[in-house]
């Protein structure tokens, strides 16, 4: 029997039992929809996490915070990591010794800050650090007695006005709108640190009553806030590591400190590609360093996402198992009702294999009908879920733009899931029809013909 004959006969037989076929297909449709929607939510979660991580920084970057034995990193340690295979760059950030107290003041000491995040970097590699300059220059080469610095976007909000009462001496930059979200419009600070020189004061760690060592800071660039690069881009400032060494040396001579501690606050290592991050990070850990990378965070989140998808898919599969039982029951009833028809077909010389194929075709077709219907319903439900997500917060973009922007969607149905769901539904139908099909070929032709 040719394939198109099997198809035509299967369609004809299913049409004769429309109600039964419809109800059985609905069972498959519900099962298919459950799997696709559940898994699509898992994919939406995975896509959102991936987009979030990509927005947080370069996935090839590995942060090194210190040694596992508690010892501090020293200048020059960053060169050791260049010997690790697949490392493209190694950059360090240095800072003042931990016991040194520093402060910055402006406008003849009217505005003061007792704390600020400072980082000293290699001035010749400033672009490699990733600081985005929104105004001015990124050149940290000293040309006179002042120290050139890059100031953070929100550096001014650390300063207090010494001419005001303490409760009103600061400007709070955290302003929230009526929805409880941070407002994009921040209040104006007392002064603009980018437009005037400031004074850095360092207290003698061995005699806090002694006069401090001071140096003039000259802002040359304004940095955009980016916590992935460093907190100094928001609340602090950046200077050249050469200038920092000079300041520490001169201040130590004034304070009578023979050998001040030189510490590295952070080292950033970049792998040549994302596939090499894990090997590079493991090699650095074996040297006794504490590390963190987006790759390790991403792997952990991906494992969690896969586990979520398996759980959600398993829940949906229960519905499909119930649908498979329904197909088996429907086909068994069909075989029982068509016993005489089977006997006539055998008497006319129809091969038992063709009879078996006929019932398997009918079962498979029920699975395909249910799968197609389930996919259509899945897309409608997915759109509904995404629309609810879209409407939960005010947005300027249209829903159509939102729907096709990776990272926004709560439900994502990839093309391979569509193909898998369709093939799987058809397979469920065929497998469910095996028992009835095998039963049909065992029926005796004579007994079947005699049966009324």
Protein backbone atom coordinates (compact mmCIF):
# COMPACT_ATOMS: atom_id res chain seq x y z
CA UNK A 1 0.00 0.00 0.00
CA UNK A 2 1.42 3.35 -1.04
CA UNK A 3 1.99 6.19 1.38
CA UNK A 4 -0.66 8.48 -0.10
CA UNK A 5 -3.19 5.60 0.09
CA UNK A 6 -2.37 5.13 3.80
CA UNK A 7 -2.76 8.86 4.36
CA UNK A 8 -6.08 9.05 2.51
CA UNK A 9 -7.47 6.03 4.35
CA UNK A 10 -6.32 7.39 7.74
CA UNK A 11 -7.99 10.74 7.08
CA UNK A 12 -11.20 9.02 5.97
CA UNK A 13 -11.31 6.78 9.05
CA UNK A 14 -10.67 9.69 11.42
CA UNK A 15 -13.43 11.74 9.75
CA UNK A 16 -15.92 8.96 10.41
CA UNK A 17 -15.23 9.31 14.15
CA UNK A 18 -14.92 13.10 14.41
CA UNK A 19 -15.94 13.48 18.04
CA UNK A 20 -13.58 10.80 19.29
CA UNK A 21 -10.73 12.12 17.13
CA UNK A 22 -11.34 15.68 18.31
CA UNK A 23 -11.39 14.79 22.01
CA UNK A 24 -8.26 12.64 21.72
CA UNK A 25 -6.44 15.39 19.79
CA UNK A 26 -7.40 17.91 22.47
CA UNK A 27 -5.62 15.72 25.01
CA UNK A 28 -2.46 15.78 22.90
CA UNK A 29 -2.88 19.52 22.36
CA UNK A 30 -3.01 20.18 26.11
CA UNK A 31 0.03 17.98 26.70
CA UNK A 32 2.03 19.61 23.91
CA UNK A 33 1.04 23.10 25.09
CA UNK A 34 2.05 22.30 28.65
CA UNK A 35 5.53 21.19 27.61
CA UNK A 36 6.16 24.05 25.16
CA UNK A 37 4.89 26.82 27.48
CA UNK A 38 6.71 25.45 30.51
CA UNK A 39 10.00 25.09 28.64
CA UNK A 40 9.54 28.51 26.97
CA UNK A 41 9.36 30.14 30.42
CA UNK A 42 12.65 28.46 31.27
CA UNK A 43 14.20 29.78 28.05
CA UNK A 44 12.87 33.25 28.81
CA UNK A 45 14.54 33.13 32.20
CA UNK A 46 17.81 31.94 30.65
CA UNK A 47 17.71 34.65 27.97
CA UNK A 48 17.08 37.37 30.57
CA UNK A 49 19.98 36.17 32.70
CA UNK A 50 22.33 36.04 29.70
CA UNK A 51 21.35 39.55 28.61
CA UNK A 52 21.79 40.82 32.16
CA UNK A 53 25.27 39.30 32.43
CA UNK A 54 26.34 40.65 29.05
CA UNK A 55 25.23 44.09 30.18
CA UNK A 56 27.24 43.77 33.38
CA UNK A 57 30.56 43.58 31.57
CA UNK A 58 32.95 41.60 29.43
CA UNK A 59 32.41 37.88 30.04
CA UNK A 60 36.12 37.29 29.36
CA UNK A 61 37.21 39.34 32.39
CA UNK A 62 38.39 37.70 35.62
CA UNK A 63 38.57 39.76 38.81
CA UNK A 64 41.33 38.91 41.31
CA UNK A 65 40.71 40.29 44.80
CA UNK A 66 43.52 38.85 46.90
CA UNK A 67 45.34 35.74 48.06
CA UNK A 68 43.69 32.81 49.79
CA UNK A 69 46.29 32.90 52.58
CA UNK A 70 45.22 36.42 53.56
CA UNK A 71 48.33 38.15 52.26
CA UNK A 72 47.86 41.30 50.22
CA UNK A 73 48.73 41.57 46.56
CA UNK A 74 51.74 43.67 45.68
CA UNK A 75 52.55 45.89 42.67
CA UNK A 76 54.00 43.72 39.93
CA UNK A 77 51.81 40.69 40.70
CA UNK A 78 49.78 41.43 37.60
CA UNK A 79 52.76 40.50 35.43
CA UNK A 80 52.69 36.93 36.76
CA UNK A 81 49.32 36.30 35.14
CA UNK A 82 50.58 37.19 31.67
CA UNK A 83 52.44 33.86 31.76
CA UNK A 84 49.16 31.95 32.11
CA UNK A 85 48.09 30.43 28.76
CA UNK A 86 45.26 32.22 26.88
CA UNK A 87 45.62 35.48 28.86
CA UNK A 88 45.50 38.57 26.65
CA UNK A 89 45.98 41.30 29.30
CA UNK A 90 46.49 41.83 33.04
CA UNK A 91 45.72 45.19 34.68
CA UNK A 92 46.07 46.19 38.31
CA UNK A 93 44.58 48.90 40.51
CA UNK A 94 46.54 50.24 43.47
CA UNK A 95 45.45 52.38 46.39
CA UNK A 96 46.76 54.13 49.49
CA UNK A 97 47.97 51.93 52.37
CA UNK A 98 45.02 50.67 54.39
CA UNK A 99 45.96 52.57 57.56
CA UNK A 100 46.23 55.92 55.81
CA UNK A 101 43.31 58.32 56.26
CA UNK A 102 42.63 60.56 53.30
CA UNK A 103 40.16 63.31 52.56
CA UNK A 104 39.36 65.66 49.69
CA UNK A 105 38.25 69.26 49.99
CA UNK A 106 37.30 72.08 47.57
CA UNK A 107 36.44 75.78 47.51
CA UNK A 108 38.88 76.78 50.27
CA UNK A 109 37.89 73.78 52.41
CA UNK A 110 34.19 74.66 52.44
CA UNK A 111 33.23 71.37 50.81
CA UNK A 112 34.82 68.27 52.28
CA UNK A 113 34.61 64.52 51.99
CA UNK A 114 36.05 62.22 54.63
CA UNK A 115 35.85 59.19 52.36
CA UNK A 116 36.13 58.51 48.66
CA UNK A 117 36.91 55.52 46.50
CA UNK A 118 40.29 55.98 44.83
CA UNK A 119 42.04 53.81 42.25
CA UNK A 120 45.45 54.28 40.68
CA UNK A 121 46.01 52.74 37.26
CA UNK A 122 48.63 52.50 34.53
CA UNK A 123 48.20 55.80 32.64
CA UNK A 124 49.52 54.26 29.40
CA UNK A 125 46.72 51.66 29.40
CA UNK A 126 43.81 53.81 30.54
CA UNK A 127 41.61 52.77 27.61
CA UNK A 128 42.07 49.08 28.44
CA UNK A 129 40.51 49.61 31.86
CA UNK A 130 37.23 50.49 30.15
CA UNK A 131 36.50 53.87 31.74
CA UNK A 132 34.05 55.84 29.61
CA UNK A 133 34.84 59.56 29.59
CA UNK A 134 31.76 61.76 29.14
CA UNK A 135 33.61 65.09 29.36
CA UNK A 136 37.22 66.14 29.13
CA UNK A 137 40.21 63.89 28.49
CA UNK A 138 41.47 60.55 29.77
CA UNK A 139 45.12 61.66 29.87
CA UNK A 140 46.67 61.21 33.32
CA UNK A 141 50.15 62.45 32.39
CA UNK A 142 51.37 65.06 34.88
CA UNK A 143 52.55 68.34 33.33
CA UNK A 144 52.95 70.49 36.48
CA UNK A 145 52.81 70.29 40.25
CA UNK A 146 49.13 69.26 40.29
CA UNK A 147 47.97 65.66 40.02
CA UNK A 148 45.60 64.97 37.06
CA UNK A 149 42.62 62.78 37.95
CA UNK A 150 39.43 61.39 36.47
CA UNK A 151 36.41 62.06 38.68
CA UNK A 152 33.40 59.77 39.01
CA UNK A 153 29.96 60.75 37.81
CA UNK A 154 28.58 61.09 41.35
CA UNK A 155 31.77 62.14 43.14
CA UNK A 156 30.30 65.54 44.12
CA UNK A 157 27.57 63.92 46.23
CA UNK A 158 30.19 62.65 48.72
CA UNK A 159 30.97 66.22 49.80
CA UNK A 160 29.34 68.01 52.70
CA UNK A 161 28.94 71.76 53.02
CA UNK A 162 30.71 72.75 56.21
CA UNK A 163 28.74 76.05 56.28
CA UNK A 164 25.44 74.21 56.68
CA UNK A 165 24.01 72.22 59.59
CA UNK A 166 24.94 68.54 59.49
CA UNK A 167 21.39 67.41 58.65
CA UNK A 168 21.32 69.61 55.54
CA UNK A 169 25.00 69.44 54.71
CA UNK A 170 24.64 66.71 52.06
CA UNK A 171 22.72 66.48 48.78
CA UNK A 172 20.95 63.15 48.46
CA UNK A 173 21.19 61.96 44.86
CA UNK A 174 18.71 59.13 45.42
CA UNK A 175 15.38 60.55 44.29
CA UNK A 176 12.45 58.25 43.52
CA UNK A 177 9.43 58.83 41.31
CA UNK A 178 5.79 58.07 42.08
CA UNK A 179 6.32 54.42 41.08
CA UNK A 180 9.14 53.97 43.57
CA UNK A 181 11.76 53.82 40.80
CA UNK A 182 15.00 55.84 40.88
CA UNK A 183 14.45 59.09 39.02
CA UNK A 184 16.75 59.96 36.13
CA UNK A 185 16.71 63.61 37.19
CA UNK A 186 19.09 64.04 40.13
CA UNK A 187 19.30 67.18 42.27
CA UNK A 188 22.23 69.51 41.63
CA UNK A 189 25.22 69.02 43.98
CA UNK A 190 26.72 71.93 45.90
CA UNK A 191 29.54 72.31 43.38
CA UNK A 192 30.98 70.74 40.23
CA UNK A 193 34.24 68.91 41.09
CA UNK A 194 35.12 68.63 37.41
CA UNK A 195 35.42 72.41 37.03
CA UNK A 196 37.82 73.22 39.86
CA UNK A 197 40.96 71.95 41.52
CA UNK A 198 40.67 70.10 44.83
CA UNK A 199 42.97 69.33 47.72
CA UNK A 200 43.88 65.83 48.83
CA UNK A 201 44.84 65.57 52.50
CA UNK A 202 46.64 62.58 54.02
CA UNK A 203 46.81 62.20 57.79
CA UNK A 204 49.91 60.88 59.53
CA UNK A 205 48.84 57.34 60.55
CA UNK A 206 51.23 57.49 63.54
CA UNK A 207 50.18 60.98 64.73
CA UNK A 208 46.67 62.11 63.77
CA UNK A 209 47.23 65.52 65.38
CA UNK A 210 50.15 66.34 63.09
CA UNK A 211 49.61 68.55 60.06
CA UNK A 212 48.52 66.49 57.03
CA UNK A 213 50.36 66.08 53.78
CA UNK A 214 48.44 67.83 51.00
CA UNK A 215 48.53 67.73 47.23
CA UNK A 216 46.46 69.51 44.57
CA UNK A 217 44.20 67.39 42.37
CA UNK A 218 43.33 68.66 38.92
CA UNK A 219 40.30 66.97 37.24
CA UNK A 220 40.87 66.35 33.54
CA UNK A 221 38.01 63.95 32.77
CA UNK A 222 34.55 62.97 33.98
CA UNK A 223 33.76 59.23 34.08
CA UNK A 224 30.43 57.55 33.40
CA UNK A 225 29.15 55.44 36.28
CA UNK A 226 29.91 51.75 35.69
CA UNK A 227 30.17 49.50 38.74
CA UNK A 228 31.36 46.62 36.55
CA UNK A 229 34.59 48.54 35.99
CA UNK A 230 34.81 49.91 39.51
CA UNK A 231 33.02 51.95 42.15
CA UNK A 232 35.51 54.76 41.56
CA UNK A 233 33.71 55.51 38.28
CA UNK A 234 30.72 56.61 40.35
CA UNK A 235 31.76 57.80 43.82
CA UNK A 236 35.51 58.25 43.53
CA UNK A 237 38.41 59.29 41.35
CA UNK A 238 41.28 57.77 39.37
CA UNK A 239 44.91 58.83 39.17
CA UNK A 240 48.09 57.47 37.63
CA UNK A 241 49.93 54.77 39.59
CA UNK A 242 53.12 56.80 39.01
CA UNK A 243 51.57 59.79 40.77
CA UNK A 244 50.34 57.56 43.60
CA UNK A 245 53.85 56.21 44.19
CA UNK A 246 55.17 59.77 44.24
CA UNK A 247 52.52 60.86 46.77
CA UNK A 248 53.18 57.86 49.03
CA UNK A 249 56.93 58.45 48.90
CA UNK A 250 56.71 62.16 49.70
CA UNK A 251 54.10 61.66 52.43
CA UNK A 252 56.14 58.84 53.99
CA UNK A 253 59.23 61.05 54.10
CA UNK A 254 57.25 63.79 55.83
CA UNK A 255 55.70 61.35 58.32
CA UNK A 256 59.01 59.56 58.93
CA UNK A 257 57.67 56.22 57.68
CA UNK A 258 60.58 54.19 56.31
CA UNK A 259 58.75 51.47 54.41
CA UNK A 260 55.06 52.14 53.69
CA UNK A 261 52.89 49.28 52.54
CA UNK A 262 52.22 49.17 48.82
CA UNK A 263 49.06 47.25 48.10
CA UNK A 264 47.10 46.27 45.02
CA UNK A 265 43.35 46.48 45.54
CA UNK A 266 42.36 44.55 42.42
CA UNK A 267 43.78 42.85 39.34
CA UNK A 268 41.74 42.31 36.19
CA UNK A 269 42.79 39.54 33.84
CA UNK A 270 41.20 39.14 30.43
CA UNK A 271 41.13 35.80 28.60
CA UNK A 272 41.57 35.61 24.84
CA UNK A 273 38.05 34.18 24.40
CA UNK A 274 35.12 33.15 26.58
CA UNK A 275 35.86 29.44 26.14
CA UNK A 276 39.24 29.92 27.81
CA UNK A 277 37.91 31.76 30.88
CA UNK A 278 37.36 28.64 32.95
CA UNK A 279 40.87 27.26 32.31
CA UNK A 280 42.48 30.65 33.00
CA UNK A 281 40.50 31.12 36.21
CA UNK A 282 41.41 27.63 37.45
CA UNK A 283 45.09 28.26 36.71
CA UNK A 284 44.98 31.50 38.73
CA UNK A 285 43.22 29.80 41.64
CA UNK A 286 45.93 27.13 41.69
CA UNK A 287 48.43 29.94 42.30
CA UNK A 288 46.56 30.81 45.51
CA UNK A 289 44.38 33.73 44.45
CA UNK A 290 40.70 34.49 45.01
CA UNK A 291 38.87 35.13 41.75
CA UNK A 292 35.48 35.96 40.37
CA UNK A 293 34.25 36.07 36.80
CA UNK A 294 31.05 36.51 34.86
CA UNK A 295 31.73 33.11 33.28
CA UNK A 296 31.50 31.28 36.61
CA UNK A 297 28.36 33.23 37.51
CA UNK A 298 26.92 32.52 34.07
CA UNK A 299 27.65 28.77 34.32
CA UNK A 300 25.94 28.61 37.70
CA UNK A 301 22.91 30.48 36.38
CA UNK A 302 22.77 28.31 33.25
CA UNK A 303 22.82 25.14 35.37
CA UNK A 304 19.98 26.56 37.43
CA UNK A 305 18.12 27.50 34.24
CA UNK A 306 18.52 24.00 32.77
CA UNK A 307 17.26 22.47 35.99
CA UNK A 308 14.26 24.81 35.90
CA UNK A 309 13.55 23.85 32.28
CA UNK A 310 13.73 20.14 33.11
CA UNK A 311 11.34 20.54 36.03
CA UNK A 312 8.90 22.64 34.03
CA UNK A 313 9.16 20.29 31.03
CA UNK A 314 8.60 17.27 33.30
CA UNK A 315 5.42 18.83 34.67
CA UNK A 316 4.18 19.40 31.14
CA UNK A 317 5.15 15.84 30.10
CA UNK A 318 2.65 14.44 32.61
CA UNK A 319 -0.18 15.90 30.52
CA UNK A 320 1.28 14.31 27.38
CA UNK A 321 1.47 10.90 29.08
CA UNK A 322 -2.22 11.19 29.90
CA UNK A 323 -2.84 12.11 26.25
CA UNK A 324 -0.87 9.04 25.12
CA UNK A 325 -3.12 6.83 27.23
CA UNK A 326 -6.10 8.48 25.58
CA UNK A 327 -4.73 7.71 22.09
CA UNK A 328 -4.14 4.07 23.04
CA UNK A 329 -7.67 3.79 24.39
CA UNK A 330 -9.14 5.40 21.26
CA UNK A 331 -7.23 3.10 18.90
CA UNK A 332 -8.12 -0.03 20.88
CA UNK A 333 -11.78 0.90 20.60
CA UNK A 334 -11.27 1.55 16.90
CA UNK A 335 -9.75 -1.89 16.38
CA UNK A 336 -12.62 -3.49 18.29
CA UNK A 337 -15.24 -1.66 16.21
CA UNK A 338 -13.53 -2.40 12.90
CA UNK A 339 -12.88 -6.11 13.40
CA UNK A 340 -15.10 -7.08 10.44
CA UNK A 341 -13.38 -4.46 8.25
CA UNK A 342 -9.98 -5.94 9.18
CA UNK A 343 -11.21 -9.42 8.30
CA UNK A 344 -12.43 -8.31 4.87
CA UNK A 345 -9.12 -6.58 4.16
CA UNK A 346 -7.22 -9.76 5.02
CA UNK A 347 -9.57 -11.88 2.90
CA UNK A 348 -8.96 -9.59 -0.08
CA UNK A 349 -5.21 -10.15 0.29
CA UNK A 350 -4.18 -7.06 2.18
CA UNK A 351 -0.88 -7.60 3.94
CA UNK A 352 -0.89 -7.61 7.74
CA UNK A 353 1.93 -5.06 7.64
CA UNK A 354 -0.29 -2.64 5.70
CA UNK A 355 -3.10 -3.08 8.22
CA UNK A 356 -0.65 -2.31 11.00
CA UNK A 357 0.61 0.75 9.15
CA UNK A 358 -2.95 1.99 8.71
CA UNK A 359 -3.62 2.05 12.46
CA UNK A 360 -0.21 3.52 13.20
CA UNK A 361 -0.90 6.25 10.61
CA UNK A 362 -4.18 7.11 12.29
CA UNK A 363 -2.54 7.26 15.71
CA UNK A 364 0.34 9.35 14.38
CA UNK A 365 -2.07 11.71 12.64
CA UNK A 366 -3.93 12.27 15.91
CA UNK A 367 -0.59 13.15 17.49
CA UNK A 368 0.29 15.57 14.66
CA UNK A 369 -3.12 17.28 14.80
CA UNK A 370 -2.80 17.68 18.56
CA UNK A 371 0.82 18.88 18.20
CA UNK A 372 -0.03 21.56 15.62
CA UNK A 373 -2.99 22.74 17.69
CA UNK A 374 -0.80 22.75 20.80
CA UNK A 375 1.85 24.87 19.09
CA UNK A 376 -0.71 27.42 17.98
CA UNK A 377 -2.12 27.59 21.51
CA UNK A 378 1.42 27.77 22.93
CA UNK A 379 2.26 30.82 20.84
CA UNK A 380 -0.94 32.54 21.93
CA UNK A 381 -0.22 31.82 25.60
CA UNK A 382 3.41 32.92 25.17
CA UNK A 383 2.30 36.24 23.65
CA UNK A 384 -0.13 36.67 26.53
CA UNK A 385 2.59 36.04 29.13
CA UNK A 386 4.91 38.52 27.43
CA UNK A 387 2.15 41.11 27.20
CA UNK A 388 1.53 40.82 30.94
CA UNK A 389 5.28 41.32 31.50
CA UNK A 390 5.24 44.29 29.10
CA UNK A 391 2.29 45.97 30.83
CA UNK A 392 3.65 45.53 34.37
CA UNK A 393 5.98 48.54 34.03
CA UNK A 394 5.58 51.72 31.94
CA UNK A 395 7.62 51.54 28.71
CA UNK A 396 8.22 53.86 25.80
CA UNK A 397 8.82 51.04 23.31
CA UNK A 398 5.94 49.32 21.53
CA UNK A 399 4.86 45.80 22.45
CA UNK A 400 6.05 44.57 19.04
CA UNK A 401 9.56 45.95 19.71
CA UNK A 402 9.48 44.51 23.22
CA UNK A 403 8.45 41.09 21.91
CA UNK A 404 11.43 40.83 19.57
CA UNK A 405 14.06 42.26 21.94
CA UNK A 406 16.15 39.53 23.62
CA UNK A 407 16.25 39.82 27.38
CA UNK A 408 12.78 41.38 27.73
CA UNK A 409 10.64 38.33 27.10
CA UNK A 410 9.40 36.10 29.90
CA UNK A 411 8.50 33.34 27.43
CA UNK A 412 10.67 32.35 24.46
CA UNK A 413 9.81 29.60 21.95
CA UNK A 414 12.87 28.82 19.80
CA UNK A 415 12.43 27.18 16.40
CA UNK A 416 14.01 23.91 17.47
CA UNK A 417 11.43 23.59 20.28
CA UNK A 418 8.66 23.90 17.68
CA UNK A 419 10.18 21.12 15.55
CA UNK A 420 10.83 18.97 18.61
CA UNK A 421 7.27 19.40 19.92
CA UNK A 422 5.78 18.45 16.55
CA UNK A 423 7.98 15.37 16.11
CA UNK A 424 7.50 14.35 19.73
CA UNK A 425 3.71 14.62 19.44
CA UNK A 426 3.74 12.46 16.32
CA UNK A 427 5.98 9.90 18.05
CA UNK A 428 3.68 9.82 21.07
CA UNK A 429 0.80 9.08 18.72
CA UNK A 430 2.66 6.32 16.86
CA UNK A 431 3.98 4.69 20.04
CA UNK A 432 0.53 4.85 21.62
CA UNK A 433 -0.87 3.10 18.55
CA UNK A 434 1.57 0.17 18.64
CA UNK A 435 -0.51 -2.02 20.98
CA UNK A 436 -3.78 -1.54 19.05
CA UNK A 437 -1.96 -2.03 15.74
CA UNK A 438 -0.37 -5.27 16.90
CA UNK A 439 -3.74 -6.46 18.13
CA UNK A 440 -5.30 -5.75 14.74
CA UNK A 441 -2.90 -8.04 12.84
CA UNK A 442 -3.59 -10.95 15.22
CA UNK A 443 -7.29 -11.05 14.38
CA UNK A 444 -8.29 -14.13 12.36
CA UNK A 445 -9.80 -13.23 8.98
CA UNK A 446 -12.58 -15.89 9.15
CA UNK A 447 -13.60 -15.05 12.71
CA UNK A 448 -13.57 -11.32 11.86
CA UNK A 449 -15.82 -11.82 8.81
CA UNK A 450 -18.31 -13.93 10.79
CA UNK A 451 -18.54 -11.27 13.52
CA UNK A 452 -21.58 -9.05 13.26
